[in-house]
PDB file of all heavy atoms in Angstrom:
ATOM      1  N   ASP A   1     -11.974   5.169 -22.990  1.00  0.00           N
ATOM      2  CA  ASP A   1     -13.318   5.399 -22.475  1.00  0.00           C
ATOM      3  C   ASP A   1     -13.212   6.124 -21.103  1.00  0.00           C
ATOM      4  O   ASP A   1     -12.550   5.652 -20.177  1.00  0.00           O
ATOM      5  CB  ASP A   1     -14.037   4.074 -22.286  1.00  0.00           C
ATOM      6  CG  ASP A   1     -15.446   4.250 -21.755  1.00  0.00           C
ATOM      7  OD1 ASP A   1     -16.338   4.624 -22.525  1.00  0.00           O
ATOM      8  OD2 ASP A   1     -15.628   4.002 -20.528  1.00  0.00           O
ATOM      9  N   ARG A   2     -13.864   7.253 -21.012  1.00  0.00           N
ATOM     10  CA  ARG A   2     -13.745   8.083 -19.807  1.00  0.00           C
ATOM     11  C   ARG A   2     -14.289   7.412 -18.550  1.00  0.00           C
ATOM     12  O   ARG A   2     -13.703   7.509 -17.486  1.00  0.00           O
ATOM     13  CB  ARG A   2     -14.465   9.428 -20.028  1.00  0.00           C
ATOM     14  CG  ARG A   2     -13.783  10.327 -21.068  1.00  0.00           C
ATOM     15  CD  ARG A   2     -14.544  11.619 -21.274  1.00  0.00           C
ATOM     16  NE  ARG A   2     -14.566  12.408 -20.020  1.00  0.00           N
ATOM     17  CZ  ARG A   2     -15.197  13.589 -19.900  1.00  0.00           C
ATOM     18  NH1 ARG A   2     -15.891  14.057 -20.953  1.00  0.00           N
ATOM     19  NH2 ARG A   2     -15.187  14.224 -18.767  1.00  0.00           N
ATOM     20  N   SER A   3     -15.406   6.696 -18.677  1.00  0.00           N
ATOM     21  CA  SER A   3     -16.008   6.038 -17.498  1.00  0.00           C
ATOM     22  C   SER A   3     -15.126   4.908 -17.027  1.00  0.00           C
ATOM     23  O   SER A   3     -14.952   4.731 -15.791  1.00  0.00           O
ATOM     24  CB  SER A   3     -17.406   5.494 -17.852  1.00  0.00           C
ATOM     25  OG  SER A   3     -17.359   4.542 -18.888  1.00  0.00           O
ATOM     26  N   ALA A   4     -14.506   4.165 -17.942  1.00  0.00           N
ATOM     27  CA  ALA A   4     -13.612   3.089 -17.546  1.00  0.00           C
ATOM     28  C   ALA A   4     -12.358   3.647 -16.881  1.00  0.00           C
ATOM     29  O   ALA A   4     -11.889   3.110 -15.871  1.00  0.00           O
ATOM     30  CB  ALA A   4     -13.230   2.247 -18.745  1.00  0.00           C
ATOM     31  N   GLN A   5     -11.817   4.748 -17.424  1.00  0.00           N
ATOM     32  CA  GLN A   5     -10.646   5.355 -16.817  1.00  0.00           C
ATOM     33  C   GLN A   5     -10.947   5.912 -15.448  1.00  0.00           C
ATOM     34  O   GLN A   5     -10.141   5.800 -14.510  1.00  0.00           O
ATOM     35  CB  GLN A   5     -10.082   6.467 -17.724  1.00  0.00           C
ATOM     36  CG  GLN A   5      -8.868   7.190 -17.199  1.00  0.00           C
ATOM     37  CD  GLN A   5      -7.672   6.264 -16.999  1.00  0.00           C
ATOM     38  OE1 GLN A   5      -7.462   5.356 -17.800  1.00  0.00           O
ATOM     39  NE2 GLN A   5      -6.916   6.490 -15.946  1.00  0.00           N
ATOM     40  N   LYS A   6     -12.148   6.490 -15.288  1.00  0.00           N
ATOM     41  CA  LYS A   6     -12.533   7.029 -13.976  1.00  0.00           C
ATOM     42  C   LYS A   6     -12.636   5.905 -12.963  1.00  0.00           C
ATOM     43  O   LYS A   6     -12.176   6.031 -11.815  1.00  0.00           O
ATOM     44  CB  LYS A   6     -13.876   7.746 -14.098  1.00  0.00           C
ATOM     45  CG  LYS A   6     -14.385   8.318 -12.780  1.00  0.00           C
ATOM     46  CD  LYS A   6     -15.738   9.011 -12.958  1.00  0.00           C
ATOM     47  CE  LYS A   6     -16.256   9.541 -11.629  1.00  0.00           C
ATOM     48  NZ  LYS A   6     -17.576  10.188 -11.778  1.00  0.00           N
ATOM     49  N   LYS A   7     -13.253   4.793 -13.354  1.00  0.00           N
ATOM     50  CA  LYS A   7     -13.350   3.658 -12.442  1.00  0.00           C
ATOM     51  C   LYS A   7     -11.993   3.078 -12.121  1.00  0.00           C
ATOM     52  O   LYS A   7     -11.715   2.699 -10.972  1.00  0.00           O
ATOM     53  CB  LYS A   7     -14.263   2.577 -13.073  1.00  0.00           C
ATOM     54  CG  LYS A   7     -14.433   1.334 -12.222  1.00  0.00           C
ATOM     55  CD  LYS A   7     -15.006   1.651 -10.842  1.00  0.00           C
ATOM     56  CE  LYS A   7     -16.448   2.140 -10.946  1.00  0.00           C
ATOM     57  NZ  LYS A   7     -17.038   2.358  -9.589  1.00  0.00           N
ATOM     58  N   PHE A   8     -11.137   3.003 -13.113  1.00  0.00           N
ATOM     59  CA  PHE A   8      -9.775   2.494 -12.906  1.00  0.00           C
ATOM     60  C   PHE A   8      -9.038   3.386 -11.913  1.00  0.00           C
ATOM     61  O   PHE A   8      -8.346   2.885 -11.009  1.00  0.00           O
ATOM     62  CB  PHE A   8      -9.033   2.469 -14.237  1.00  0.00           C
ATOM     63  CG  PHE A   8      -7.608   2.013 -14.135  1.00  0.00           C
ATOM     64  CD1 PHE A   8      -7.293   0.725 -13.693  1.00  0.00           C
ATOM     65  CD2 PHE A   8      -6.564   2.855 -14.497  1.00  0.00           C
ATOM     66  CE1 PHE A   8      -5.978   0.318 -13.593  1.00  0.00           C
ATOM     67  CE2 PHE A   8      -5.263   2.461 -14.402  1.00  0.00           C
ATOM     68  CZ  PHE A   8      -4.954   1.169 -13.952  1.00  0.00           C
ATOM     69  N   ARG A   9      -9.204   4.702 -12.037  1.00  0.00           N
ATOM     70  CA  ARG A   9      -8.546   5.614 -11.083  1.00  0.00           C
ATOM     71  C   ARG A   9      -9.095   5.420  -9.676  1.00  0.00           C
ATOM     72  O   ARG A   9      -8.340   5.482  -8.683  1.00  0.00           O
ATOM     73  CB  ARG A   9      -8.718   7.074 -11.541  1.00  0.00           C
ATOM     74  CG  ARG A   9      -7.972   8.068 -10.659  1.00  0.00           C
ATOM     75  CD  ARG A   9      -8.024   9.463 -11.210  1.00  0.00           C
ATOM     76  NE  ARG A   9      -7.255   9.603 -12.450  1.00  0.00           N
ATOM     77  CZ  ARG A   9      -7.771   9.731 -13.663  1.00  0.00           C
ATOM     78  NH1 ARG A   9      -9.108   9.756 -13.802  1.00  0.00           N
ATOM     79  NH2 ARG A   9      -7.010   9.851 -14.722  1.00  0.00           N
ATOM     80  N   GLU A  10     -10.399   5.206  -9.545  1.00  0.00           N
ATOM     81  CA  GLU A  10     -10.996   4.959  -8.234  1.00  0.00           C
ATOM     82  C   GLU A  10     -10.381   3.708  -7.590  1.00  0.00           C
ATOM     83  O   GLU A  10     -10.039   3.709  -6.410  1.00  0.00           O
ATOM     84  CB  GLU A  10     -12.503   4.788  -8.371  1.00  0.00           C
ATOM     85  CG  GLU A  10     -13.255   6.071  -8.693  1.00  0.00           C
ATOM     86  CD  GLU A  10     -14.732   5.814  -8.911  1.00  0.00           C
ATOM     87  OE1 GLU A  10     -15.156   4.637  -8.759  1.00  0.00           O
ATOM     88  OE2 GLU A  10     -15.455   6.746  -9.271  1.00  0.00           O
ATOM     89  N   LEU A  11     -10.277   2.640  -8.385  1.00  0.00           N
ATOM     90  CA  LEU A  11      -9.712   1.398  -7.856  1.00  0.00           C
ATOM     91  C   LEU A  11      -8.217   1.567  -7.526  1.00  0.00           C
ATOM     92  O   LEU A  11      -7.749   1.015  -6.518  1.00  0.00           O
ATOM     93  CB  LEU A  11      -9.887   0.261  -8.892  1.00  0.00           C
ATOM     94  CG  LEU A  11     -11.338  -0.106  -9.223  1.00  0.00           C
ATOM     95  CD1 LEU A  11     -11.369  -1.086 -10.394  1.00  0.00           C
ATOM     96  CD2 LEU A  11     -12.039  -0.705  -8.020  1.00  0.00           C
ATOM     97  N   TRP A  12      -7.527   2.294  -8.368  1.00  0.00           N
ATOM     98  CA  TRP A  12      -6.097   2.577  -8.105  1.00  0.00           C
ATOM     99  C   TRP A  12      -5.942   3.354  -6.791  1.00  0.00           C
ATOM    100  O   TRP A  12      -5.079   3.024  -5.975  1.00  0.00           O
ATOM    101  CB  TRP A  12      -5.541   3.379  -9.271  1.00  0.00           C
ATOM    102  CG  TRP A  12      -4.062   3.670  -9.218  1.00  0.00           C
ATOM    103  CD1 TRP A  12      -3.443   4.616  -8.440  1.00  0.00           C
ATOM    104  CD2 TRP A  12      -3.039   2.996  -9.958  1.00  0.00           C
ATOM    105  NE1 TRP A  12      -2.087   4.597  -8.657  1.00  0.00           N
ATOM    106  CE2 TRP A  12      -1.805   3.617  -9.575  1.00  0.00           C
ATOM    107  CE3 TRP A  12      -3.031   1.976 -10.891  1.00  0.00           C
ATOM    108  CZ2 TRP A  12      -0.590   3.213 -10.100  1.00  0.00           C
ATOM    109  CZ3 TRP A  12      -1.798   1.581 -11.433  1.00  0.00           C
ATOM    110  CH2 TRP A  12      -0.605   2.208 -11.040  1.00  0.00           C
ATOM    111  N   ASP A  13      -6.788   4.355  -6.611  1.00  0.00           N
ATOM    112  CA  ASP A  13      -6.695   5.162  -5.383  1.00  0.00           C
ATOM    113  C   ASP A  13      -7.099   4.356  -4.150  1.00  0.00           C
ATOM    114  O   ASP A  13      -6.573   4.591  -3.053  1.00  0.00           O
ATOM    115  CB  ASP A  13      -7.597   6.396  -5.514  1.00  0.00           C
ATOM    116  CG  ASP A  13      -7.045   7.416  -6.508  1.00  0.00           C
ATOM    117  OD1 ASP A  13      -5.868   7.302  -6.876  1.00  0.00           O
ATOM    118  OD2 ASP A  13      -7.809   8.306  -6.946  1.00  0.00           O
ATOM    119  N   GLU A  14      -8.028   3.409  -4.314  1.00  0.00           N
ATOM    120  CA  GLU A  14      -8.381   2.530  -3.184  1.00  0.00           C
ATOM    121  C   GLU A  14      -7.184   1.720  -2.732  1.00  0.00           C
ATOM    122  O   GLU A  14      -6.964   1.528  -1.539  1.00  0.00           O
ATOM    123  CB  GLU A  14      -9.516   1.589  -3.590  1.00  0.00           C
ATOM    124  CG  GLU A  14     -10.885   2.245  -3.666  1.00  0.00           C
ATOM    125  CD  GLU A  14     -11.954   1.295  -4.162  1.00  0.00           C
ATOM    126  OE1 GLU A  14     -11.658   0.075  -4.260  1.00  0.00           O
ATOM    127  OE2 GLU A  14     -13.079   1.764  -4.453  1.00  0.00           O
ATOM    128  N   ARG A  15      -6.394   1.243  -3.679  1.00  0.00           N
ATOM    129  CA  ARG A  15      -5.196   0.487  -3.330  1.00  0.00           C
ATOM    130  C   ARG A  15      -4.199   1.366  -2.600  1.00  0.00           C
ATOM    131  O   ARG A  15      -3.614   0.965  -1.582  1.00  0.00           O
ATOM    132  CB  ARG A  15      -4.566  -0.076  -4.592  1.00  0.00           C
ATOM    133  CG  ARG A  15      -3.302  -0.900  -4.347  1.00  0.00           C
ATOM    134  CD  ARG A  15      -2.685  -1.431  -5.618  1.00  0.00           C
ATOM    135  NE  ARG A  15      -2.370  -0.374  -6.572  1.00  0.00           N
ATOM    136  CZ  ARG A  15      -1.512  -0.522  -7.578  1.00  0.00           C
ATOM    137  NH1 ARG A  15      -0.887  -1.691  -7.734  1.00  0.00           N
ATOM    138  NH2 ARG A  15      -1.253   0.451  -8.421  1.00  0.00           N
ATOM    139  N   THR A  16      -4.026   2.616  -3.084  1.00  0.00           N
ATOM    140  CA  THR A  16      -3.121   3.563  -2.426  1.00  0.00           C
ATOM    141  C   THR A  16      -3.610   3.856  -1.035  1.00  0.00           C
ATOM    142  O   THR A  16      -2.798   3.905  -0.080  1.00  0.00           O
ATOM    143  CB  THR A  16      -3.028   4.847  -3.253  1.00  0.00           C
ATOM    144  OG1 THR A  16      -2.700   4.534  -4.595  1.00  0.00           O
ATOM    145  CG2 THR A  16      -1.965   5.770  -2.671  1.00  0.00           C
ATOM    146  N   THR A  17      -4.915   4.073  -0.887  1.00  0.00           N
ATOM    147  CA  THR A  17      -5.495   4.351   0.426  1.00  0.00           C
ATOM    148  C   THR A  17      -5.315   3.173   1.382  1.00  0.00           C
ATOM    149  O   THR A  17      -5.024   3.355   2.586  1.00  0.00           O
ATOM    150  CB  THR A  17      -6.989   4.686   0.287  1.00  0.00           C
ATOM    151  OG1 THR A  17      -7.139   5.824  -0.547  1.00  0.00           O
ATOM    152  CG2 THR A  17      -7.625   4.937   1.650  1.00  0.00           C
ATOM    153  N   PHE A  18      -5.469   1.945   0.839  1.00  0.00           N
ATOM    154  CA  PHE A  18      -5.263   0.775   1.669  1.00  0.00           C
ATOM    155  C   PHE A  18      -3.859   0.752   2.262  1.00  0.00           C
ATOM    156  O   PHE A  18      -3.676   0.536   3.477  1.00  0.00           O
ATOM    157  CB  PHE A  18      -5.463  -0.508   0.857  1.00  0.00           C
ATOM    158  CG  PHE A  18      -4.927  -1.732   1.516  1.00  0.00           C
ATOM    159  CD1 PHE A  18      -5.611  -2.373   2.542  1.00  0.00           C
ATOM    160  CD2 PHE A  18      -3.705  -2.263   1.151  1.00  0.00           C
ATOM    161  CE1 PHE A  18      -5.114  -3.494   3.173  1.00  0.00           C
ATOM    162  CE2 PHE A  18      -3.157  -3.394   1.781  1.00  0.00           C
ATOM    163  CZ  PHE A  18      -3.895  -3.997   2.784  1.00  0.00           C
ATOM    164  N   LEU A  19      -2.854   1.024   1.443  1.00  0.00           N
ATOM    165  CA  LEU A  19      -1.476   0.971   1.945  1.00  0.00           C
ATOM    166  C   LEU A  19      -1.231   2.106   2.952  1.00  0.00           C
ATOM    167  O   LEU A  19      -0.633   1.885   4.006  1.00  0.00           O
ATOM    168  CB  LEU A  19      -0.494   1.096   0.775  1.00  0.00           C
ATOM    169  CG  LEU A  19       0.992   1.052   1.123  1.00  0.00           C
ATOM    170  CD1 LEU A  19       1.329  -0.208   1.905  1.00  0.00           C
ATOM    171  CD2 LEU A  19       1.852   1.144  -0.129  1.00  0.00           C
ATOM    172  N   ALA A  20      -1.705   3.305   2.638  1.00  0.00           N
ATOM    173  CA  ALA A  20      -1.530   4.429   3.557  1.00  0.00           C
ATOM    174  C   ALA A  20      -2.218   4.176   4.895  1.00  0.00           C
ATOM    175  O   ALA A  20      -1.678   4.455   5.969  1.00  0.00           O
ATOM    176  CB  ALA A  20      -2.037   5.723   2.943  1.00  0.00           C
ATOM    177  N   THR A  21      -3.438   3.593   4.826  1.00  0.00           N
ATOM    178  CA  THR A  21      -4.186   3.298   6.059  1.00  0.00           C
ATOM    179  C   THR A  21      -3.507   2.185   6.855  1.00  0.00           C
ATOM    180  O   THR A  21      -3.462   2.255   8.101  1.00  0.00           O
ATOM    181  CB  THR A  21      -5.621   2.878   5.704  1.00  0.00           C
ATOM    182  OG1 THR A  21      -6.255   3.928   4.962  1.00  0.00           O
ATOM    183  CG2 THR A  21      -6.439   2.610   6.970  1.00  0.00           C
ATOM    184  N   ALA A  22      -2.973   1.192   6.163  1.00  0.00           N
ATOM    185  CA  ALA A  22      -2.282   0.099   6.851  1.00  0.00           C
ATOM    186  C   ALA A  22      -1.047   0.614   7.580  1.00  0.00           C
ATOM    187  O   ALA A  22      -0.757   0.196   8.691  1.00  0.00           O
ATOM    188  CB  ALA A  22      -1.884  -0.985   5.843  1.00  0.00           C
ATOM    189  N   ILE A  23      -0.342   1.558   6.959  1.00  0.00           N
ATOM    190  CA  ILE A  23       0.798   2.167   7.634  1.00  0.00           C
ATOM    191  C   ILE A  23       0.334   2.946   8.867  1.00  0.00           C
ATOM    192  O   ILE A  23       0.916   2.819   9.946  1.00  0.00           O
ATOM    193  CB  ILE A  23       1.532   3.114   6.657  1.00  0.00           C
ATOM    194  CG1 ILE A  23       2.250   2.291   5.576  1.00  0.00           C
ATOM    195  CG2 ILE A  23       2.551   3.985   7.403  1.00  0.00           C
ATOM    196  CD1 ILE A  23       2.856   3.144   4.471  1.00  0.00           C
ATOM    197  N   GLU A  24      -0.730   3.682   8.728  1.00  0.00           N
ATOM    198  CA  GLU A  24      -1.272   4.477   9.823  1.00  0.00           C
ATOM    199  C   GLU A  24      -1.767   3.605  10.986  1.00  0.00           C
ATOM    200  O   GLU A  24      -1.600   3.965  12.162  1.00  0.00           O
ATOM    201  CB  GLU A  24      -2.419   5.363   9.321  1.00  0.00           C
ATOM    202  CG  GLU A  24      -2.990   6.311  10.374  1.00  0.00           C
ATOM    203  CD  GLU A  24      -4.070   7.204   9.807  1.00  0.00           C
ATOM    204  OE1 GLU A  24      -4.182   7.271   8.569  1.00  0.00           O
ATOM    205  OE2 GLU A  24      -4.775   7.818  10.613  1.00  0.00           O
ATOM    206  N   LYS A  25      -2.334   2.459  10.659  1.00  0.00           N
ATOM    207  CA  LYS A  25      -2.879   1.563  11.691  1.00  0.00           C
ATOM    208  C   LYS A  25      -1.835   0.619  12.258  1.00  0.00           C
ATOM    209  O   LYS A  25      -2.177  -0.334  12.961  1.00  0.00           O
ATOM    210  CB  LYS A  25      -4.043   0.758  11.110  1.00  0.00           C
ATOM    211  CG  LYS A  25      -5.278   1.612  10.841  1.00  0.00           C
ATOM    212  CD  LYS A  25      -6.468   0.758  10.399  1.00  0.00           C
ATOM    213  CE  LYS A  25      -7.715   1.583  10.245  1.00  0.00           C
ATOM    214  NZ  LYS A  25      -8.883   0.757   9.835  1.00  0.00           N
ATOM    215  N   GLN A  26      -0.595   0.848  11.980  1.00  0.00           N
ATOM    216  CA  GLN A  26       0.512   0.075  12.573  1.00  0.00           C
ATOM    217  C   GLN A  26       0.524  -1.377  12.131  1.00  0.00           C
ATOM    218  O   GLN A  26       0.937  -2.253  12.885  1.00  0.00           O
ATOM    219  CB  GLN A  26       0.470   0.142  14.111  1.00  0.00           C
ATOM    220  CG  GLN A  26       0.255   1.521  14.710  1.00  0.00           C
ATOM    221  CD  GLN A  26       1.506   2.396  14.677  1.00  0.00           C
ATOM    222  OE1 GLN A  26       2.291   2.311  13.736  1.00  0.00           O
ATOM    223  NE2 GLN A  26       1.658   3.231  15.675  1.00  0.00           N
ATOM    224  N   TYR A  27       0.088  -1.682  10.912  1.00  0.00           N
ATOM    225  CA  TYR A  27       0.143  -3.056  10.412  1.00  0.00           C
ATOM    226  C   TYR A  27       1.584  -3.525  10.256  1.00  0.00           C
ATOM    227  O   TYR A  27       1.872  -4.699  10.358  1.00  0.00           O
ATOM    228  CB  TYR A  27      -0.525  -3.174   9.042  1.00  0.00           C
ATOM    229  CG  TYR A  27      -2.047  -3.140   9.058  1.00  0.00           C
ATOM    230  CD1 TYR A  27      -2.756  -2.818  10.210  1.00  0.00           C
ATOM    231  CD2 TYR A  27      -2.772  -3.415   7.921  1.00  0.00           C
ATOM    232  CE1 TYR A  27      -4.140  -2.797  10.215  1.00  0.00           C
ATOM    233  CE2 TYR A  27      -4.168  -3.391   7.908  1.00  0.00           C
ATOM    234  CZ  TYR A  27      -4.833  -3.072   9.060  1.00  0.00           C
ATOM    235  OH  TYR A  27      -6.204  -3.042   9.061  1.00  0.00           O
ATOM    236  N   PHE A  28       2.484  -2.560  10.021  1.00  0.00           N
ATOM    237  CA  PHE A  28       3.868  -2.896   9.695  1.00  0.00           C
ATOM    238  C   PHE A  28       4.813  -2.458  10.813  1.00  0.00           C
ATOM    239  O   PHE A  28       4.501  -1.586  11.614  1.00  0.00           O
ATOM    240  CB  PHE A  28       4.284  -2.252   8.385  1.00  0.00           C
ATOM    241  CG  PHE A  28       3.267  -2.427   7.285  1.00  0.00           C
ATOM    242  CD1 PHE A  28       2.681  -1.337   6.666  1.00  0.00           C
ATOM    243  CD2 PHE A  28       2.901  -3.699   6.878  1.00  0.00           C
ATOM    244  CE1 PHE A  28       1.748  -1.494   5.644  1.00  0.00           C
ATOM    245  CE2 PHE A  28       1.981  -3.880   5.848  1.00  0.00           C
ATOM    246  CZ  PHE A  28       1.405  -2.764   5.235  1.00  0.00           C
ATOM    247  N   VAL A  29       5.990  -3.074  10.811  1.00  0.00           N
ATOM    248  CA  VAL A  29       7.005  -2.724  11.794  1.00  0.00           C
ATOM    249  C   VAL A  29       8.365  -2.805  11.123  1.00  0.00           C
ATOM    250  O   VAL A  29       8.578  -3.651  10.236  1.00  0.00           O
ATOM    251  CB  VAL A  29       6.940  -3.638  13.032  1.00  0.00           C
ATOM    252  CG1 VAL A  29       7.223  -5.088  12.643  1.00  0.00           C
ATOM    253  CG2 VAL A  29       7.900  -3.167  14.122  1.00  0.00           C
ATOM    254  N   TYR A  30       9.277  -1.957  11.528  1.00  0.00           N
ATOM    255  CA  TYR A  30      10.659  -2.046  11.075  1.00  0.00           C
ATOM    256  C   TYR A  30      11.480  -2.648  12.219  1.00  0.00           C
ATOM    257  O   TYR A  30      11.671  -2.015  13.253  1.00  0.00           O
ATOM    258  CB  TYR A  30      11.221  -0.687  10.673  1.00  0.00           C
ATOM    259  CG  TYR A  30      12.673  -0.752  10.298  1.00  0.00           C
ATOM    260  CD1 TYR A  30      13.060  -1.124   9.017  1.00  0.00           C
ATOM    261  CD2 TYR A  30      13.684  -0.476  11.224  1.00  0.00           C
ATOM    262  CE1 TYR A  30      14.393  -1.222   8.674  1.00  0.00           C
ATOM    263  CE2 TYR A  30      15.031  -0.561  10.889  1.00  0.00           C
ATOM    264  CZ  TYR A  30      15.365  -0.945   9.604  1.00  0.00           C
ATOM    265  OH  TYR A  30      16.686  -1.048   9.268  1.00  0.00           O
ATOM    266  N   GLU A  31      11.965  -3.859  12.036  1.00  0.00           N
ATOM    267  CA  GLU A  31      12.863  -4.498  13.014  1.00  0.00           C
ATOM    268  C   GLU A  31      14.146  -4.763  12.273  1.00  0.00           C
ATOM    269  O   GLU A  31      14.174  -5.524  11.297  1.00  0.00           O
ATOM    270  CB  GLU A  31      12.231  -5.778  13.531  1.00  0.00           C
ATOM    271  CG  GLU A  31      12.873  -6.324  14.804  1.00  0.00           C
ATOM    272  CD  GLU A  31      14.246  -6.912  14.574  1.00  0.00           C
ATOM    273  OE1 GLU A  31      14.423  -7.623  13.543  1.00  0.00           O
ATOM    274  OE2 GLU A  31      15.173  -6.660  15.379  1.00  0.00           O
ATOM    275  N   PRO A  32      15.262  -4.167  12.680  1.00  0.00           N
ATOM    276  CA  PRO A  32      16.488  -4.186  11.879  1.00  0.00           C
ATOM    277  C   PRO A  32      16.997  -5.588  11.530  1.00  0.00           C
ATOM    278  O   PRO A  32      17.374  -5.843  10.380  1.00  0.00           O
ATOM    279  CB  PRO A  32      17.505  -3.450  12.764  1.00  0.00           C
ATOM    280  CG  PRO A  32      16.678  -2.576  13.628  1.00  0.00           C
ATOM    281  CD  PRO A  32      15.411  -3.312  13.890  1.00  0.00           C
ATOM    282  N   GLU A  33      17.008  -6.519  12.475  1.00  0.00           N
ATOM    283  CA  GLU A  33      17.621  -7.802  12.208  1.00  0.00           C
ATOM    284  C   GLU A  33      16.788  -8.634  11.228  1.00  0.00           C
ATOM    285  O   GLU A  33      17.328  -9.223  10.274  1.00  0.00           O
ATOM    286  CB  GLU A  33      17.793  -8.585  13.528  1.00  0.00           C
ATOM    287  CG  GLU A  33      18.732  -9.756  13.416  1.00  0.00           C
ATOM    288  CD  GLU A  33      19.226 -10.219  14.770  1.00  0.00           C
ATOM    289  OE1 GLU A  33      18.936  -9.559  15.775  1.00  0.00           O
ATOM    290  OE2 GLU A  33      19.913 -11.249  14.801  1.00  0.00           O
ATOM    291  N   VAL A  34      15.474  -8.690  11.447  1.00  0.00           N
ATOM    292  CA  VAL A  34      14.609  -9.442  10.536  1.00  0.00           C
ATOM    293  C   VAL A  34      14.586  -8.754   9.165  1.00  0.00           C
ATOM    294  O   VAL A  34      14.644  -9.423   8.114  1.00  0.00           O
ATOM    295  CB  VAL A  34      13.178  -9.549  11.109  1.00  0.00           C
ATOM    296  CG1 VAL A  34      12.252 -10.261  10.134  1.00  0.00           C
ATOM    297  CG2 VAL A  34      13.218 -10.295  12.460  1.00  0.00           C
ATOM    298  N   ASN A  35      14.496  -7.430   9.155  1.00  0.00           N
ATOM    299  CA  ASN A  35      14.493  -6.668   7.912  1.00  0.00           C
ATOM    300  C   ASN A  35      15.774  -6.957   7.125  1.00  0.00           C
ATOM    301  O   ASN A  35      15.715  -7.175   5.904  1.00  0.00           O
ATOM    302  CB  ASN A  35      14.347  -5.184   8.217  1.00  0.00           C
ATOM    303  CG  ASN A  35      14.198  -4.353   6.955  1.00  0.00           C
ATOM    304  OD1 ASN A  35      15.170  -4.076   6.255  1.00  0.00           O
ATOM    305  ND2 ASN A  35      12.972  -3.941   6.666  1.00  0.00           N
ATOM    306  N   GLN A  36      16.914  -6.926   7.780  1.00  0.00           N
ATOM    307  CA  GLN A  36      18.173  -7.147   7.102  1.00  0.00           C
ATOM    308  C   GLN A  36      18.252  -8.539   6.486  1.00  0.00           C
ATOM    309  O   GLN A  36      18.760  -8.727   5.383  1.00  0.00           O
ATOM    310  CB  GLN A  36      19.320  -6.949   8.063  1.00  0.00           C
ATOM    311  CG  GLN A  36      20.704  -7.098   7.449  1.00  0.00           C
ATOM    312  CD  GLN A  36      21.833  -6.856   8.444  1.00  0.00           C
ATOM    313  OE1 GLN A  36      21.617  -6.768   9.648  1.00  0.00           O
ATOM    314  NE2 GLN A  36      23.047  -6.773   7.958  1.00  0.00           N
ATOM    315  N   TYR A  37      17.710  -9.519   7.190  1.00  0.00           N
ATOM    316  CA  TYR A  37      17.720 -10.882   6.671  1.00  0.00           C
ATOM    317  C   TYR A  37      16.895 -10.988   5.399  1.00  0.00           C
ATOM    318  O   TYR A  37      17.322 -11.590   4.392  1.00  0.00           O
ATOM    319  CB  TYR A  37      17.197 -11.869   7.736  1.00  0.00           C
ATOM    320  CG  TYR A  37      17.286 -13.320   7.312  1.00  0.00           C
ATOM    321  CD1 TYR A  37      18.490 -13.975   7.273  1.00  0.00           C
ATOM    322  CD2 TYR A  37      16.125 -14.008   6.932  1.00  0.00           C
ATOM    323  CE1 TYR A  37      18.576 -15.304   6.900  1.00  0.00           C
ATOM    324  CE2 TYR A  37      16.204 -15.347   6.532  1.00  0.00           C
ATOM    325  CZ  TYR A  37      17.442 -15.985   6.518  1.00  0.00           C
ATOM    326  OH  TYR A  37      17.519 -17.301   6.131  1.00  0.00           O
ATOM    327  N   LEU A  38      15.689 -10.419   5.423  1.00  0.00           N
ATOM    328  CA  LEU A  38      14.843 -10.438   4.228  1.00  0.00           C
ATOM    329  C   LEU A  38      15.458  -9.645   3.095  1.00  0.00           C
ATOM    330  O   LEU A  38      15.406 -10.040   1.928  1.00  0.00           O
ATOM    331  CB  LEU A  38      13.449  -9.880   4.565  1.00  0.00           C
ATOM    332  CG  LEU A  38      12.625 -10.675   5.584  1.00  0.00           C
ATOM    333  CD1 LEU A  38      11.306  -9.961   5.852  1.00  0.00           C
ATOM    334  CD2 LEU A  38      12.361 -12.082   5.114  1.00  0.00           C
ATOM    335  N   GLN A  39      16.072  -8.516   3.423  1.00  0.00           N
ATOM    336  CA  GLN A  39      16.721  -7.698   2.394  1.00  0.00           C
ATOM    337  C   GLN A  39      17.882  -8.454   1.733  1.00  0.00           C
ATOM    338  O   GLN A  39      18.145  -8.278   0.543  1.00  0.00           O
ATOM    339  CB  GLN A  39      17.260  -6.388   3.003  1.00  0.00           C
ATOM    340  CG  GLN A  39      16.173  -5.419   3.451  1.00  0.00           C
ATOM    341  CD  GLN A  39      15.494  -4.727   2.304  1.00  0.00           C
ATOM    342  OE1 GLN A  39      15.710  -5.025   1.136  1.00  0.00           O
ATOM    343  NE2 GLN A  39      14.614  -3.779   2.635  1.00  0.00           N
ATOM    344  N   GLY A  40      18.545  -9.359   2.490  1.00  0.00           N
ATOM    345  CA  GLY A  40      19.597 -10.158   1.918  1.00  0.00           C
ATOM    346  C   GLY A  40      19.066 -11.087   0.844  1.00  0.00           C
ATOM    347  O   GLY A  40      19.692 -11.260  -0.213  1.00  0.00           O
TER     348      GLY A  40
END
């Protein structure tokens, strides 16, 4: 169904936008020691 796929793409893009915006707004940080522990 085209309308359902269109809505699904809108919701998918909203999620992508959320992550890109969160990166831009400095929600995240790379700290080597803490990052390395979690990566372990």
